[in-house]
Amino acid sequence: MRTGFVSFDRRPYDESIATAAELGFDYVEIMMDGDSHRDVLEAERESVVEALEAGGVDALVHFPFPMLIGSPHTHQREGAIEEMKRCIDAAAGVGAEKGVMHPDSYGWVRVWDGDEVDPIMVEAVRELDEYAAERGLEVCVENLFQGYLDIYEFDLLFENTDVSMTLDTGHAAIVDMDESEMATFVDEHRDRVSHLHLNDTRHLDVGYRSKDEHLPLGYGTIDFETILEPLLTDWDGTVSIELDTPNFEYLRASKRRLESILESAR
């Protein structure tokens, strides 16, 4: 198991890489938007690679969103797929090993049902997964909590594609999956769940249900010990802390919390 963090969307890539090195993370998951948009990564590819090598950290990426790869509207979908391919090229160019992707559709639910949208999404994911694999990059599709493909619907991709999965703990909690159920899910799908996003939430507290808070670890109510327990043996995936704050002190605190969980479980 290797650990890292998702870079903050309004921070330049070099600052995130330096922070990953300073805090002893194995990698940084670069959010490919804002100051780390693919245009930036393409234009500054050599500088990105040099910064990663100097810091001794690896790179993953989080592709931008929403990218409507499952849209029922042909030209919108084709444009999203083409842009995602350009993102894959940029990520591969800086040596990223994995890319997290949202399965966005935004088809109007009053006129498009799942039977119509599902095949479109499956084909898009399959195409992008194969395109990325040819460039040495592993696509990890993330469970969402509104619109399309929450964690209970992932059999659609497991059964019809070879794509890997990113399990987001906060997103799973929002759709009422508790920690024991998450642990069972990752244990049963350990061959497909290649990556985790760890973020805390007060999902069990009155008044905070359905909030995607992305709190530092230990600031909410999620029992990460239970979720991670099945993955402590015979699993070589990656685990990213994903916070909705640009304050690196919260990241530092979250890393200490994660290290404590992993150490106590050994």
Protein backbone atom coordinates (compact mmCIF):
# COMPACT_ATOMS: atom_id res chain seq x y z
CA MET A 1 0.00 0.00 0.00
CA ARG A 2 1.37 3.40 -1.01
CA THR A 3 0.00 6.71 0.20
CA GLY A 4 -0.34 10.19 -1.27
CA PHE A 5 -2.74 13.10 -1.48
CA VAL A 6 -4.89 14.86 -4.06
CA SER A 7 -3.39 18.25 -4.85
CA PHE A 8 -5.49 21.32 -4.12
CA ASP A 9 -7.06 22.75 -7.25
CA ARG A 10 -5.79 26.30 -6.74
CA ARG A 11 -2.22 25.33 -5.92
CA PRO A 12 0.50 24.94 -8.59
CA TYR A 13 1.84 21.44 -9.18
CA ASP A 14 5.37 22.26 -7.96
CA GLU A 15 4.09 23.27 -4.51
CA SER A 16 2.11 20.04 -4.19
CA ILE A 17 5.09 17.94 -5.28
CA ALA A 18 7.34 19.67 -2.75
CA THR A 19 4.77 19.10 0.00
CA ALA A 20 4.48 15.41 -0.87
CA ALA A 21 8.26 15.11 -0.56
CA GLU A 22 8.38 17.08 2.69
CA LEU A 23 5.67 14.99 4.36
CA GLY A 24 7.06 11.67 3.15
CA PHE A 25 4.25 10.66 0.81
CA ASP A 26 4.97 8.13 -1.93
CA TYR A 27 3.21 10.17 -4.60
CA VAL A 28 1.07 13.20 -5.34
CA GLU A 29 -2.25 12.88 -7.17
CA ILE A 30 -2.26 15.97 -9.38
CA MET A 31 -5.67 17.55 -9.90
CA MET A 32 -5.60 18.28 -13.62
CA ASP A 33 -7.51 21.54 -13.53
CA GLY A 34 -6.85 25.15 -12.59
CA ASP A 35 -3.12 25.68 -12.09
CA SER A 36 -2.40 22.07 -13.14
CA HIS A 37 -4.62 21.95 -16.23
CA ARG A 38 -3.42 19.64 -18.97
CA ASP A 39 -2.29 22.67 -20.99
CA VAL A 40 0.10 23.51 -18.14
CA LEU A 41 1.34 19.93 -17.77
CA GLU A 42 1.94 19.68 -21.51
CA ALA A 43 3.73 23.03 -21.76
CA GLU A 44 5.84 22.38 -18.65
CA ARG A 45 6.31 18.63 -18.96
CA GLU A 46 10.05 18.66 -18.40
CA SER A 47 9.70 20.86 -15.32
CA VAL A 48 7.02 18.56 -13.88
CA VAL A 49 9.19 15.48 -14.41
CA GLU A 50 12.22 17.22 -12.92
CA ALA A 51 10.23 18.29 -9.85
CA LEU A 52 8.96 14.74 -9.31
CA GLU A 53 12.44 13.29 -9.65
CA ALA A 54 13.96 15.91 -7.35
CA GLY A 55 11.33 15.22 -4.70
CA GLY A 56 11.58 11.45 -5.05
CA VAL A 57 7.80 11.11 -5.42
CA ASP A 58 5.65 9.41 -8.04
CA ALA A 59 2.66 10.89 -9.85
CA LEU A 60 -0.98 9.98 -10.18
CA VAL A 61 -3.57 12.34 -11.64
CA HIS A 62 -7.21 13.21 -11.06
CA PHE A 63 -8.80 14.04 -14.40
CA PRO A 64 -10.94 17.20 -14.58
CA PHE A 65 -14.70 17.04 -14.08
CA PRO A 66 -17.44 17.19 -15.05
CA MET A 67 -16.42 15.56 -18.32
CA LEU A 68 -19.61 14.20 -19.89
CA ILE A 69 -18.23 10.97 -21.33
CA GLY A 70 -21.60 9.25 -20.85
CA SER A 71 -23.76 11.97 -22.38
CA PRO A 72 -26.60 10.73 -24.59
CA HIS A 73 -25.88 13.71 -26.89
CA THR A 74 -23.44 12.51 -29.54
CA HIS A 75 -21.26 15.57 -30.12
CA GLN A 76 -21.12 16.44 -26.43
CA ARG A 77 -20.01 12.89 -25.63
CA GLU A 78 -17.49 12.75 -28.46
CA GLY A 79 -15.98 16.06 -27.39
CA ALA A 80 -15.67 14.89 -23.77
CA ILE A 81 -14.01 11.63 -24.82
CA GLU A 82 -11.58 13.46 -27.07
CA GLU A 83 -10.66 15.92 -24.30
CA MET A 84 -10.20 13.04 -21.87
CA LYS A 85 -7.81 11.39 -24.31
CA ARG A 86 -5.77 14.60 -24.45
CA CYS A 87 -5.71 14.54 -20.63
CA ILE A 88 -4.50 10.94 -20.70
CA ASP A 89 -1.73 11.93 -23.11
CA ALA A 90 -0.65 14.78 -20.81
CA ALA A 91 -0.72 12.53 -17.75
CA ALA A 92 1.30 9.82 -19.47
CA GLY A 93 3.74 12.49 -20.60
CA VAL A 94 4.71 13.29 -17.01
CA GLY A 95 4.90 9.61 -16.04
CA ALA A 96 1.63 9.29 -14.12
CA GLU A 97 0.74 5.70 -13.36
CA LYS A 98 -2.98 6.09 -12.56
CA GLY A 99 -5.73 8.52 -13.48
CA VAL A 100 -8.94 8.97 -11.49
CA MET A 101 -12.00 9.56 -13.67
CA HIS A 102 -15.58 10.58 -12.87
CA PRO A 103 -18.25 8.69 -14.87
CA ASP A 104 -20.29 11.81 -15.66
CA SER A 105 -23.37 11.74 -17.87
CA TYR A 106 -25.91 14.44 -16.90
CA GLY A 107 -28.59 12.94 -19.14
CA TRP A 108 -31.94 14.47 -18.20
CA VAL A 109 -33.46 11.75 -16.01
CA ARG A 110 -37.02 12.57 -17.07
CA VAL A 111 -36.31 11.51 -20.64
CA TRP A 112 -33.23 9.22 -20.40
CA ASP A 113 -33.32 6.13 -18.22
CA GLY A 114 -30.50 3.84 -17.18
CA ASP A 115 -31.14 1.26 -19.90
CA GLU A 116 -30.41 3.95 -22.47
CA VAL A 117 -27.46 5.64 -20.78
CA ASP A 118 -25.71 2.54 -19.36
CA PRO A 119 -24.44 1.16 -22.71
CA ILE A 120 -23.17 4.62 -23.68
CA MET A 121 -21.21 4.94 -20.44
CA VAL A 122 -19.83 1.41 -20.65
CA GLU A 123 -18.55 1.97 -24.18
CA ALA A 124 -16.96 5.31 -23.26
CA VAL A 125 -15.21 3.86 -20.21
CA ARG A 126 -14.00 0.86 -22.20
CA GLU A 127 -12.61 3.08 -24.96
CA LEU A 128 -10.78 5.38 -22.54
CA ASP A 129 -9.47 2.50 -20.43
CA GLU A 130 -7.98 0.83 -23.51
CA TYR A 131 -6.56 4.13 -24.78
CA ALA A 132 -4.88 4.78 -21.42
CA ALA A 133 -3.55 1.22 -21.11
CA GLU A 134 -1.77 1.60 -24.45
CA ARG A 135 0.06 4.58 -22.91
CA GLY A 136 0.97 2.82 -19.68
CA LEU A 137 -1.66 4.52 -17.52
CA GLU A 138 -4.32 2.80 -15.39
CA VAL A 139 -7.76 4.43 -15.34
CA CYS A 140 -9.56 4.22 -11.97
CA VAL A 141 -13.24 5.20 -12.19
CA GLU A 142 -14.60 6.83 -9.01
CA ASN A 143 -17.92 6.12 -7.30
CA LEU A 144 -20.12 9.23 -7.25
CA PHE A 145 -23.17 10.08 -5.17
CA GLN A 146 -25.49 11.95 -7.46
CA GLY A 147 -26.34 11.76 -11.12
CA TYR A 148 -24.63 8.54 -12.12
CA LEU A 149 -22.84 5.43 -10.84
CA ASP A 150 -22.79 5.41 -7.09
CA ILE A 151 -21.02 2.52 -5.39
CA TYR A 152 -24.07 0.24 -5.55
CA GLU A 153 -24.10 0.44 -9.35
CA PHE A 154 -20.47 -0.46 -10.04
CA ASP A 155 -21.23 -4.00 -11.17
CA LEU A 156 -22.15 -2.34 -14.47
CA LEU A 157 -18.47 -1.53 -15.06
CA PHE A 158 -17.05 -4.57 -13.30
CA GLU A 159 -19.06 -6.92 -15.51
CA ASN A 160 -18.66 -5.08 -18.82
CA THR A 161 -15.18 -3.53 -18.74
CA ASP A 162 -11.71 -4.21 -17.38
CA VAL A 163 -11.42 -0.78 -15.76
CA SER A 164 -10.14 -0.31 -12.21
CA MET A 165 -12.00 1.55 -9.46
CA THR A 166 -11.32 4.41 -7.06
CA LEU A 167 -13.42 4.00 -3.91
CA ASP A 168 -14.19 7.36 -2.30
CA THR A 169 -15.13 6.91 1.36
CA GLY A 170 -17.11 10.14 1.64
CA HIS A 171 -19.11 9.46 -1.51
CA ALA A 172 -19.93 5.95 -0.29
CA ALA A 173 -21.06 7.30 3.07
CA ILE A 174 -23.39 9.81 1.43
CA VAL A 175 -25.35 6.97 -0.21
CA ASP A 176 -25.64 5.25 3.20
CA MET A 177 -22.94 2.61 2.88
CA ASP A 178 -21.46 2.11 6.33
CA GLU A 179 -17.86 1.22 7.13
CA SER A 180 -18.44 -2.53 7.47
CA GLU A 181 -20.14 -2.57 4.08
CA MET A 182 -17.26 -0.61 2.54
CA ALA A 183 -14.80 -3.12 4.01
CA THR A 184 -16.79 -6.00 2.55
CA PHE A 185 -16.94 -4.23 -0.82
CA VAL A 186 -13.19 -3.64 -1.08
CA ASP A 187 -12.47 -7.17 0.12
CA GLU A 188 -14.77 -8.73 -2.46
CA HIS A 189 -13.45 -6.49 -5.24
CA ARG A 190 -9.79 -6.21 -4.24
CA ASP A 191 -8.79 -7.19 -7.78
CA ARG A 192 -10.61 -4.13 -9.18
CA VAL A 193 -10.37 -1.55 -6.40
CA SER A 194 -6.90 -0.24 -7.16
CA HIS A 195 -7.16 3.15 -5.48
CA LEU A 196 -8.87 4.81 -2.51
CA HIS A 197 -9.82 8.40 -1.74
CA LEU A 198 -9.91 8.86 2.03
CA ASN A 199 -11.88 11.84 3.30
CA ASP A 200 -13.87 12.22 6.47
CA THR A 201 -17.45 13.38 6.90
CA ARG A 202 -20.04 13.85 9.64
CA HIS A 203 -22.47 11.68 7.70
CA LEU A 204 -23.92 10.06 10.83
CA ASP A 205 -24.55 13.36 12.60
CA VAL A 206 -27.96 15.01 12.44
CA GLY A 207 -27.97 17.78 9.87
CA TYR A 208 -24.97 16.65 7.83
CA ARG A 209 -26.37 13.80 5.78
CA SER A 210 -25.70 14.04 2.02
CA LYS A 211 -22.84 16.52 2.48
CA ASP A 212 -19.62 15.93 0.52
CA GLU A 213 -17.39 17.56 3.11
CA HIS A 214 -13.92 16.12 2.42
CA LEU A 215 -12.84 16.74 6.01
CA PRO A 216 -9.40 15.88 7.41
CA LEU A 217 -9.12 12.35 8.77
CA GLY A 218 -10.37 12.26 12.34
CA TYR A 219 -12.51 15.40 11.99
CA GLY A 220 -15.64 13.45 11.09
CA THR A 221 -17.19 10.15 12.05
CA ILE A 222 -15.84 7.63 9.53
CA ASP A 223 -14.14 4.55 11.00
CA PHE A 224 -11.19 4.18 8.63
CA GLU A 225 -9.71 1.31 10.63
CA THR A 226 -12.64 -0.90 9.65
CA ILE A 227 -12.53 0.13 5.97
CA LEU A 228 -8.79 -0.43 5.59
CA GLU A 229 -8.48 -3.66 7.56
CA PRO A 230 -9.11 -6.04 4.61
CA LEU A 231 -6.48 -4.24 2.51
CA LEU A 232 -3.59 -4.53 4.97
CA THR A 233 -2.55 -7.87 3.46
CA ASP A 234 -2.21 -8.96 -0.16
CA TRP A 235 -3.20 -5.58 -1.62
CA ASP A 236 -0.71 -3.30 -3.36
CA GLY A 237 -2.99 -0.39 -4.25
CA THR A 238 -2.73 3.33 -3.60
CA VAL A 239 -4.47 5.47 -0.97
CA SER A 240 -4.94 9.22 -1.39
CA ILE A 241 -6.00 11.67 1.29
CA GLU A 242 -8.43 14.07 -0.40
CA LEU A 243 -9.26 17.25 1.49
CA ASP A 244 -11.33 20.27 0.53
CA THR A 245 -8.91 22.81 1.98
CA PRO A 246 -5.67 24.42 0.78
CA ASN A 247 -4.23 24.36 4.30
CA PHE A 248 -1.33 21.92 4.38
CA GLU A 249 -1.53 21.66 8.19
CA TYR A 250 -4.78 19.69 7.84
CA LEU A 251 -3.01 17.43 5.35
CA ARG A 252 -0.17 16.94 7.82
CA ALA A 253 -2.67 16.02 10.56
CA SER A 254 -4.47 13.61 8.24
CA LYS A 255 -1.22 11.87 7.35
CA ARG A 256 -0.41 11.40 11.04
CA ARG A 257 -3.86 9.94 11.55
CA LEU A 258 -3.48 7.55 8.61
CA GLU A 259 -0.04 6.44 9.78
CA SER A 260 -1.46 5.77 13.25
CA ILE A 261 -4.26 3.66 11.79
CA LEU A 262 -1.90 1.62 9.65
CA GLU A 263 0.62 1.15 12.44
CA SER A 264 -1.94 0.05 15.01
CA ALA A 265 -3.38 -2.49 12.60
CA ARG A 266 -0.06 -4.21 11.95
